[in-house]
Amino acid sequence: MTTPKKSVAIPKFRSEAEEAKWWDGRPEAATKIMKNALKSGRAPLKTVTIRIPAPDIQAAKELAQEKGLPYQIYMKMLLHEALKREGPV
């Protein structure tokens, strides 16, 4: 018997700091949301290849492991956060 899939309820946040704290405490939620979006075809993705220095990848792997995430997802989250912080170009 399969268990029903529960959706992740994302609350409204009063500040970016509050949102960051919420996500940092729930790395599994970010992973679940991305996996569900990928499975359903709702994730608008485009493949990009970039060269990243090996020490940066190693650092990302170590940080991602601390958060219980695959390092590729962690790197995508970092990129997304940086783009959000910088705002529209």
PDB file of N, CA and C in Angstrom:
ATOM      1  N   MET A   1       0.843  -1.177   0.000  1.00  0.00           N
ATOM      2  CA  MET A   1       0.000   0.000   0.000  1.00  0.00           C
ATOM      3  C   MET A   1       0.892   1.245   0.000  1.00  0.00           C
ATOM      4  N   THR A   2       0.558   2.215  -0.817  1.00  0.00           N
ATOM      5  CA  THR A   2       1.337   3.452  -0.858  1.00  0.00           C
ATOM      6  C   THR A   2       0.747   4.471   0.089  1.00  0.00           C
ATOM      7  N   THR A   3       1.613   5.306   0.622  1.00  0.00           N
ATOM      8  CA  THR A   3       1.143   6.365   1.514  1.00  0.00           C
ATOM      9  C   THR A   3       0.856   7.611   0.697  1.00  0.00           C
ATOM     10  N   PRO A   4      -0.165   8.365   1.060  1.00  0.00           N
ATOM     11  CA  PRO A   4      -0.468   9.582   0.309  1.00  0.00           C
ATOM     12  C   PRO A   4       0.657  10.599   0.462  1.00  0.00           C
ATOM     13  N   LYS A   5       0.895  11.335  -0.614  1.00  0.00           N
ATOM     14  CA  LYS A   5       1.929  12.366  -0.580  1.00  0.00           C
ATOM     15  C   LYS A   5       1.394  13.601   0.121  1.00  0.00           C
ATOM     16  N   LYS A   6       2.161  14.079   1.084  1.00  0.00           N
ATOM     17  CA  LYS A   6       1.776  15.296   1.788  1.00  0.00           C
ATOM     18  C   LYS A   6       2.481  16.469   1.122  1.00  0.00           C
ATOM     19  N   SER A   7       1.756  17.553   0.918  1.00  0.00           N
ATOM     20  CA  SER A   7       2.382  18.741   0.365  1.00  0.00           C
ATOM     21  C   SER A   7       3.043  19.519   1.495  1.00  0.00           C
ATOM     22  N   VAL A   8       4.053  20.268   1.139  1.00  0.00           N
ATOM     23  CA  VAL A   8       4.767  21.069   2.116  1.00  0.00           C
ATOM     24  C   VAL A   8       4.060  22.415   2.227  1.00  0.00           C
ATOM     25  N   ALA A   9       3.606  22.738   3.419  1.00  0.00           N
ATOM     26  CA  ALA A   9       2.928  24.014   3.653  1.00  0.00           C
ATOM     27  C   ALA A   9       3.973  25.076   3.982  1.00  0.00           C
ATOM     28  N   ILE A  10       4.119  26.044   3.097  1.00  0.00           N
ATOM     29  CA  ILE A  10       5.088  27.113   3.297  1.00  0.00           C
ATOM     30  C   ILE A  10       4.342  28.325   3.849  1.00  0.00           C
ATOM     31  N   PRO A  11       4.720  28.749   5.051  1.00  0.00           N
ATOM     32  CA  PRO A  11       4.003  29.882   5.655  1.00  0.00           C
ATOM     33  C   PRO A  11       4.371  31.209   5.010  1.00  0.00           C
ATOM     34  N   LYS A  12       3.610  32.240   5.331  1.00  0.00           N
ATOM     35  CA  LYS A  12       3.957  33.603   4.920  1.00  0.00           C
ATOM     36  C   LYS A  12       5.029  34.100   5.888  1.00  0.00           C
ATOM     37  N   PHE A  13       6.021  34.793   5.369  1.00  0.00           N
ATOM     38  CA  PHE A  13       7.122  35.266   6.202  1.00  0.00           C
ATOM     39  C   PHE A  13       7.076  36.772   6.328  1.00  0.00           C
ATOM     40  N   ARG A  14       7.459  37.267   7.514  1.00  0.00           N
ATOM     41  CA  ARG A  14       7.490  38.711   7.750  1.00  0.00           C
ATOM     42  C   ARG A  14       8.797  39.337   7.290  1.00  0.00           C
ATOM     43  N   SER A  15       9.844  38.506   7.156  1.00  0.00           N
ATOM     44  CA  SER A  15      11.135  39.039   6.732  1.00  0.00           C
ATOM     45  C   SER A  15      11.927  37.952   6.022  1.00  0.00           C
ATOM     46  N   GLU A  16      12.955  38.383   5.306  1.00  0.00           N
ATOM     47  CA  GLU A  16      13.834  37.436   4.631  1.00  0.00           C
ATOM     48  C   GLU A  16      14.578  36.593   5.655  1.00  0.00           C
ATOM     49  N   ALA A  17      14.942  37.193   6.785  1.00  0.00           N
ATOM     50  CA  ALA A  17      15.646  36.454   7.841  1.00  0.00           C
ATOM     51  C   ALA A  17      14.759  35.343   8.405  1.00  0.00           C
ATOM     52  N   GLU A  18      13.482  35.652   8.590  1.00  0.00           N
ATOM     53  CA  GLU A  18      12.542  34.649   9.088  1.00  0.00           C
ATOM     54  C   GLU A  18      12.404  33.510   8.079  1.00  0.00           C
ATOM     55  N   GLU A  19      12.334  33.850   6.801  1.00  0.00           N
ATOM     56  CA  GLU A  19      12.237  32.834   5.759  1.00  0.00           C
ATOM     57  C   GLU A  19      13.486  31.967   5.724  1.00  0.00           C
ATOM     58  N   ALA A  20      14.652  32.600   5.787  1.00  0.00           N
ATOM     59  CA  ALA A  20      15.917  31.855   5.769  1.00  0.00           C
ATOM     60  C   ALA A  20      15.995  30.884   6.943  1.00  0.00           C
ATOM     61  N   LYS A  21      15.581  31.335   8.116  1.00  0.00           N
ATOM     62  CA  LYS A  21      15.604  30.484   9.308  1.00  0.00           C
ATOM     63  C   LYS A  21      14.668  29.288   9.121  1.00  0.00           C
ATOM     64  N   TRP A  22      13.492  29.533   8.543  1.00  0.00           N
ATOM     65  CA  TRP A  22      12.529  28.461   8.312  1.00  0.00           C
ATOM     66  C   TRP A  22      13.110  27.411   7.362  1.00  0.00           C
ATOM     67  N   TRP A  23      13.661  27.869   6.218  1.00  0.00           N
ATOM     68  CA  TRP A  23      14.231  26.932   5.245  1.00  0.00           C
ATOM     69  C   TRP A  23      15.447  26.207   5.806  1.00  0.00           C
ATOM     70  N   ASP A  24      16.302  26.906   6.547  1.00  0.00           N
ATOM     71  CA  ASP A  24      17.484  26.267   7.127  1.00  0.00           C
ATOM     72  C   ASP A  24      17.104  25.151   8.091  1.00  0.00           C
ATOM     73  N   GLY A  25      15.986  25.293   8.736  1.00  0.00           N
ATOM     74  CA  GLY A  25      15.526  24.271   9.660  1.00  0.00           C
ATOM     75  C   GLY A  25      14.772  23.133   8.999  1.00  0.00           C
ATOM     76  N   ARG A  26      14.535  23.234   7.693  1.00  0.00           N
ATOM     77  CA  ARG A  26      13.764  22.220   6.960  1.00  0.00           C
ATOM     78  C   ARG A  26      14.384  21.906   5.608  1.00  0.00           C
ATOM     79  N   PRO A  27      15.628  21.422   5.577  1.00  0.00           N
ATOM     80  CA  PRO A  27      16.239  21.126   4.279  1.00  0.00           C
ATOM     81  C   PRO A  27      15.477  20.054   3.500  1.00  0.00           C
ATOM     82  N   GLU A  28      14.805  19.163   4.230  1.00  0.00           N
ATOM     83  CA  GLU A  28      14.047  18.120   3.553  1.00  0.00           C
ATOM     84  C   GLU A  28      12.866  18.700   2.785  1.00  0.00           C
ATOM     85  N   ALA A  29      12.338  19.824   3.238  1.00  0.00           N
ATOM     86  CA  ALA A  29      11.203  20.454   2.550  1.00  0.00           C
ATOM     87  C   ALA A  29      11.628  20.964   1.177  1.00  0.00           C
ATOM     88  N   ALA A  30      12.789  21.615   1.109  1.00  0.00           N
ATOM     89  CA  ALA A  30      13.286  22.114  -0.177  1.00  0.00           C
ATOM     90  C   ALA A  30      13.527  20.959  -1.141  1.00  0.00           C
ATOM     91  N   THR A  31      14.099  19.893  -0.630  1.00  0.00           N
ATOM     92  CA  THR A  31      14.353  18.715  -1.464  1.00  0.00           C
ATOM     93  C   THR A  31      13.041  18.121  -1.968  1.00  0.00           C
ATOM     94  N   LYS A  32      12.060  18.002  -1.070  1.00  0.00           N
ATOM     95  CA  LYS A  32      10.767  17.429  -1.439  1.00  0.00           C
ATOM     96  C   LYS A  32      10.060  18.283  -2.493  1.00  0.00           C
ATOM     97  N   ILE A  33      10.074  19.592  -2.310  1.00  0.00           N
ATOM     98  CA  ILE A  33       9.429  20.491  -3.272  1.00  0.00           C
ATOM     99  C   ILE A  33      10.066  20.350  -4.647  1.00  0.00           C
ATOM    100  N   MET A  34      11.396  20.329  -4.688  1.00  0.00           N
ATOM    101  CA  MET A  34      12.084  20.214  -5.977  1.00  0.00           C
ATOM    102  C   MET A  34      11.811  18.857  -6.620  1.00  0.00           C
ATOM    103  N   LYS A  35      11.871  17.794  -5.855  1.00  0.00           N
ATOM    104  CA  LYS A  35      11.611  16.454  -6.411  1.00  0.00           C
ATOM    105  C   LYS A  35      10.190  16.367  -6.964  1.00  0.00           C
ATOM    106  N   ASN A  36       9.220  16.899  -6.210  1.00  0.00           N
ATOM    107  CA  ASN A  36       7.833  16.874  -6.691  1.00  0.00           C
ATOM    108  C   ASN A  36       7.664  17.692  -7.967  1.00  0.00           C
ATOM    109  N   ALA A  37       8.311  18.849  -8.033  1.00  0.00           N
ATOM    110  CA  ALA A  37       8.225  19.685  -9.234  1.00  0.00           C
ATOM    111  C   ALA A  37       8.861  18.986 -10.428  1.00  0.00           C
ATOM    112  N   LEU A  38       9.983  18.315 -10.204  1.00  0.00           N
ATOM    113  CA  LEU A  38      10.650  17.604 -11.293  1.00  0.00           C
ATOM    114  C   LEU A  38       9.790  16.446 -11.787  1.00  0.00           C
ATOM    115  N   LYS A  39       9.220  15.673 -10.867  1.00  0.00           N
ATOM    116  CA  LYS A  39       8.392  14.531 -11.241  1.00  0.00           C
ATOM    117  C   LYS A  39       7.147  14.956 -12.006  1.00  0.00           C
ATOM    118  N   SER A  40       6.565  16.075 -11.609  1.00  0.00           N
ATOM    119  CA  SER A  40       5.322  16.516 -12.237  1.00  0.00           C
ATOM    120  C   SER A  40       5.556  17.327 -13.514  1.00  0.00           C
ATOM    121  N   GLY A  41       6.818  17.658 -13.782  1.00  0.00           N
ATOM    122  CA  GLY A  41       7.123  18.454 -14.972  1.00  0.00           C
ATOM    123  C   GLY A  41       6.868  19.935 -14.787  1.00  0.00           C
ATOM    124  N   ARG A  42       6.656  20.384 -13.547  1.00  0.00           N
ATOM    125  CA  ARG A  42       6.384  21.794 -13.276  1.00  0.00           C
ATOM    126  C   ARG A  42       7.655  22.613 -13.063  1.00  0.00           C
ATOM    127  N   ALA A  43       8.797  21.954 -12.997  1.00  0.00           N
ATOM    128  CA  ALA A  43      10.042  22.687 -12.759  1.00  0.00           C
ATOM    129  C   ALA A  43      10.607  23.150 -14.099  1.00  0.00           C
ATOM    130  N   PRO A  44      10.603  24.451 -14.340  1.00  0.00           N
ATOM    131  CA  PRO A  44      11.139  24.969 -15.611  1.00  0.00           C
ATOM    132  C   PRO A  44      12.671  24.944 -15.559  1.00  0.00           C
ATOM    133  N   LEU A  45      13.254  23.889 -16.105  1.00  0.00           N
ATOM    134  CA  LEU A  45      14.697  23.709 -16.011  1.00  0.00           C
ATOM    135  C   LEU A  45      15.368  23.791 -17.373  1.00  0.00           C
ATOM    136  N   LYS A  46      16.580  24.244 -17.352  1.00  0.00           N
ATOM    137  CA  LYS A  46      17.426  24.259 -18.534  1.00  0.00           C
ATOM    138  C   LYS A  46      18.806  23.797 -18.070  1.00  0.00           C
ATOM    139  N   THR A  47      19.391  22.873 -18.793  1.00  0.00           N
ATOM    140  CA  THR A  47      20.699  22.354 -18.419  1.00  0.00           C
ATOM    141  C   THR A  47      21.776  23.373 -18.747  1.00  0.00           C
ATOM    142  N   VAL A  48      22.658  23.599 -17.767  1.00  0.00           N
ATOM    143  CA  VAL A  48      23.772  24.536 -17.925  1.00  0.00           C
ATOM    144  C   VAL A  48      25.033  23.847 -17.415  1.00  0.00           C
ATOM    145  N   THR A  49      26.111  23.998 -18.133  1.00  0.00           N
ATOM    146  CA  THR A  49      27.383  23.439 -17.707  1.00  0.00           C
ATOM    147  C   THR A  49      28.329  24.581 -17.374  1.00  0.00           C
ATOM    148  N   ILE A  50      28.876  24.540 -16.146  1.00  0.00           N
ATOM    149  CA  ILE A  50      29.851  25.556 -15.756  1.00  0.00           C
ATOM    150  C   ILE A  50      31.041  24.857 -15.101  1.00  0.00           C
ATOM    151  N   ARG A  51      32.183  25.495 -15.171  1.00  0.00           N
ATOM    152  CA  ARG A  51      33.379  24.970 -14.513  1.00  0.00           C
ATOM    153  C   ARG A  51      33.487  25.630 -13.151  1.00  0.00           C
ATOM    154  N   ILE A  52      33.616  24.792 -12.128  1.00  0.00           N
ATOM    155  CA  ILE A  52      33.715  25.274 -10.755  1.00  0.00           C
ATOM    156  C   ILE A  52      34.985  24.688 -10.153  1.00  0.00           C
ATOM    157  N   PRO A  53      35.794  25.519  -9.504  1.00  0.00           N
ATOM    158  CA  PRO A  53      37.022  24.997  -8.904  1.00  0.00           C
ATOM    159  C   PRO A  53      36.730  23.846  -7.929  1.00  0.00           C
ATOM    160  N   ALA A  54      37.569  22.827  -7.961  1.00  0.00           N
ATOM    161  CA  ALA A  54      37.391  21.646  -7.111  1.00  0.00           C
ATOM    162  C   ALA A  54      37.244  21.999  -5.626  1.00  0.00           C
ATOM    163  N   PRO A  55      38.029  22.951  -5.081  1.00  0.00           N
ATOM    164  CA  PRO A  55      37.847  23.279  -3.662  1.00  0.00           C
ATOM    165  C   PRO A  55      36.448  23.846  -3.355  1.00  0.00           C
ATOM    166  N   ASP A  56      35.867  24.581  -4.301  1.00  0.00           N
ATOM    167  CA  ASP A  56      34.511  25.109  -4.096  1.00  0.00           C
ATOM    168  C   ASP A  56      33.483  23.981  -4.076  1.00  0.00           C
ATOM    169  N   ILE A  57      33.669  23.003  -4.947  1.00  0.00           N
ATOM    170  CA  ILE A  57      32.751  21.861  -4.970  1.00  0.00           C
ATOM    171  C   ILE A  57      32.877  21.067  -3.672  1.00  0.00           C
ATOM    172  N   GLN A  58      34.112  20.884  -3.212  1.00  0.00           N
ATOM    173  CA  GLN A  58      34.320  20.151  -1.963  1.00  0.00           C
ATOM    174  C   GLN A  58      33.662  20.887  -0.792  1.00  0.00           C
ATOM    175  N   ALA A  59      33.809  22.197  -0.757  1.00  0.00           N
ATOM    176  CA  ALA A  59      33.180  22.986   0.311  1.00  0.00           C
ATOM    177  C   ALA A  59      31.665  22.850   0.241  1.00  0.00           C
ATOM    178  N   ALA A  60      31.107  22.898  -0.966  1.00  0.00           N
ATOM    179  CA  ALA A  60      29.658  22.750  -1.133  1.00  0.00           C
ATOM    180  C   ALA A  60      29.202  21.366  -0.680  1.00  0.00           C
ATOM    181  N   LYS A  61      29.983  20.336  -0.991  1.00  0.00           N
ATOM    182  CA  LYS A  61      29.627  18.977  -0.568  1.00  0.00           C
ATOM    183  C   LYS A  61      29.593  18.873   0.950  1.00  0.00           C
ATOM    184  N   GLU A  62      30.585  19.461   1.603  1.00  0.00           N
ATOM    185  CA  GLU A  62      30.642  19.395   3.066  1.00  0.00           C
ATOM    186  C   GLU A  62      29.482  20.154   3.712  1.00  0.00           C
ATOM    187  N   LEU A  63      29.191  21.343   3.197  1.00  0.00           N
ATOM    188  CA  LEU A  63      28.078  22.133   3.744  1.00  0.00           C
ATOM    189  C   LEU A  63      26.738  21.449   3.480  1.00  0.00           C
ATOM    190  N   ALA A  64      26.590  20.889   2.285  1.00  0.00           N
ATOM    191  CA  ALA A  64      25.343  20.208   1.933  1.00  0.00           C
ATOM    192  C   ALA A  64      25.133  18.990   2.825  1.00  0.00           C
ATOM    193  N   GLN A  65      26.208  18.269   3.103  1.00  0.00           N
ATOM    194  CA  GLN A  65      26.097  17.092   3.961  1.00  0.00           C
ATOM    195  C   GLN A  65      25.615  17.484   5.354  1.00  0.00           C
ATOM    196  N   GLU A  66      26.108  18.603   5.871  1.00  0.00           N
ATOM    197  CA  GLU A  66      25.661  19.089   7.178  1.00  0.00           C
ATOM    198  C   GLU A  66      24.163  19.368   7.190  1.00  0.00           C
ATOM    199  N   LYS A  67      23.639  19.799   6.028  1.00  0.00           N
ATOM    200  CA  LYS A  67      22.216  20.134   5.919  1.00  0.00           C
ATOM    201  C   LYS A  67      21.374  18.948   5.455  1.00  0.00           C
ATOM    202  N   GLY A  68      22.033  17.827   5.155  1.00  0.00           N
ATOM    203  CA  GLY A  68      21.299  16.644   4.705  1.00  0.00           C
ATOM    204  C   GLY A  68      20.777  16.753   3.290  1.00  0.00           C
ATOM    205  N   LEU A  69      21.493  17.493   2.440  1.00  0.00           N
ATOM    206  CA  LEU A  69      21.071  17.705   1.058  1.00  0.00           C
ATOM    207  C   LEU A  69      22.106  17.167   0.078  1.00  0.00           C
ATOM    208  N   PRO A  70      21.673  16.779  -1.116  1.00  0.00           N
ATOM    209  CA  PRO A  70      22.640  16.521  -2.182  1.00  0.00           C
ATOM    210  C   PRO A  70      23.333  17.840  -2.539  1.00  0.00           C
ATOM    211  N   TYR A  71      24.624  17.782  -2.818  1.00  0.00           N
ATOM    212  CA  TYR A  71      25.357  19.034  -3.033  1.00  0.00           C
ATOM    213  C   TYR A  71      24.869  19.804  -4.241  1.00  0.00           C
ATOM    214  N   GLN A  72      24.369  19.128  -5.289  1.00  0.00           N
ATOM    215  CA  GLN A  72      23.884  19.849  -6.459  1.00  0.00           C
ATOM    216  C   GLN A  72      22.667  20.706  -6.098  1.00  0.00           C
ATOM    217  N   ILE A  73      21.777  20.157  -5.301  1.00  0.00           N
ATOM    218  CA  ILE A  73      20.599  20.915  -4.877  1.00  0.00           C
ATOM    219  C   ILE A  73      21.023  22.082  -3.999  1.00  0.00           C
ATOM    220  N   TYR A  74      21.996  21.832  -3.116  1.00  0.00           N
ATOM    221  CA  TYR A  74      22.491  22.900  -2.250  1.00  0.00           C
ATOM    222  C   TYR A  74      23.085  24.032  -3.082  1.00  0.00           C
ATOM    223  N   MET A  75      23.852  23.698  -4.115  1.00  0.00           N
ATOM    224  CA  MET A  75      24.451  24.729  -4.969  1.00  0.00           C
ATOM    225  C   MET A  75      23.363  25.507  -5.713  1.00  0.00           C
ATOM    226  N   LYS A  76      22.324  24.833  -6.154  1.00  0.00           N
ATOM    227  CA  LYS A  76      21.211  25.520  -6.815  1.00  0.00           C
ATOM    228  C   LYS A  76      20.525  26.477  -5.844  1.00  0.00           C
ATOM    229  N   MET A  77      20.370  26.038  -4.595  1.00  0.00           N
ATOM    230  CA  MET A  77      19.752  26.902  -3.590  1.00  0.00           C
ATOM    231  C   MET A  77      20.606  28.140  -3.352  1.00  0.00           C
ATOM    232  N   LEU A  78      21.926  27.965  -3.275  1.00  0.00           N
ATOM    233  CA  LEU A  78      22.823  29.104  -3.078  1.00  0.00           C
ATOM    234  C   LEU A  78      22.715  30.089  -4.236  1.00  0.00           C
ATOM    235  N   LEU A  79      22.692  29.569  -5.449  1.00  0.00           N
ATOM    236  CA  LEU A  79      22.570  30.428  -6.620  1.00  0.00           C
ATOM    237  C   LEU A  79      21.244  31.187  -6.587  1.00  0.00           C
ATOM    238  N   HIS A  80      20.185  30.467  -6.285  1.00  0.00           N
ATOM    239  CA  HIS A  80      18.863  31.104  -6.225  1.00  0.00           C
ATOM    240  C   HIS A  80      18.834  32.217  -5.177  1.00  0.00           C
ATOM    241  N   GLU A  81      19.394  31.949  -3.997  1.00  0.00           N
ATOM    242  CA  GLU A  81      19.431  32.955  -2.929  1.00  0.00           C
ATOM    243  C   GLU A  81      20.229  34.186  -3.364  1.00  0.00           C
ATOM    244  N   ALA A  82      21.360  33.955  -4.031  1.00  0.00           N
ATOM    245  CA  ALA A  82      22.188  35.088  -4.483  1.00  0.00           C
ATOM    246  C   ALA A  82      21.443  35.916  -5.523  1.00  0.00           C
ATOM    247  N   LEU A  83      20.765  35.259  -6.450  1.00  0.00           N
ATOM    248  CA  LEU A  83      20.015  35.990  -7.472  1.00  0.00           C
ATOM    249  C   LEU A  83      18.867  36.772  -6.860  1.00  0.00           C
ATOM    250  N   LYS A  84      18.207  36.178  -5.884  1.00  0.00           N
ATOM    251  CA  LYS A  84      17.116  36.867  -5.199  1.00  0.00           C
ATOM    252  C   LYS A  84      17.636  38.091  -4.435  1.00  0.00           C
ATOM    253  N   ARG A  85      18.778  37.923  -3.788  1.00  0.00           N
ATOM    254  CA  ARG A  85      19.368  39.000  -3.006  1.00  0.00           C
ATOM    255  C   ARG A  85      19.813  40.167  -3.901  1.00  0.00           C
ATOM    256  N   GLU A  86      20.365  39.846  -5.056  1.00  0.00           N
ATOM    257  CA  GLU A  86      20.859  40.887  -5.972  1.00  0.00           C
ATOM    258  C   GLU A  86      19.726  41.622  -6.668  1.00  0.00           C
ATOM    259  N   GLY A  87      18.591  40.959  -6.799  1.00  0.00           N
ATOM    260  CA  GLY A  87      17.436  41.604  -7.419  1.00  0.00           C
ATOM    261  C   GLY A  87      17.526  41.623  -8.932  1.00  0.00           C
ATOM    262  N   PRO A  88      16.509  42.201  -9.570  1.00  0.00           N
ATOM    263  CA  PRO A  88      16.477  42.243 -11.035  1.00  0.00           C
ATOM    264  C   PRO A  88      17.641  43.068 -11.585  1.00  0.00           C
ATOM    265  N   VAL A  89      18.128  42.618 -12.700  1.00  0.00           N
ATOM    266  CA  VAL A  89      19.257  43.308 -13.334  1.00  0.00           C
ATOM    267  C   VAL A  89      18.746  44.401 -14.244  1.00  0.00           C
TER     268      VAL A  89
END
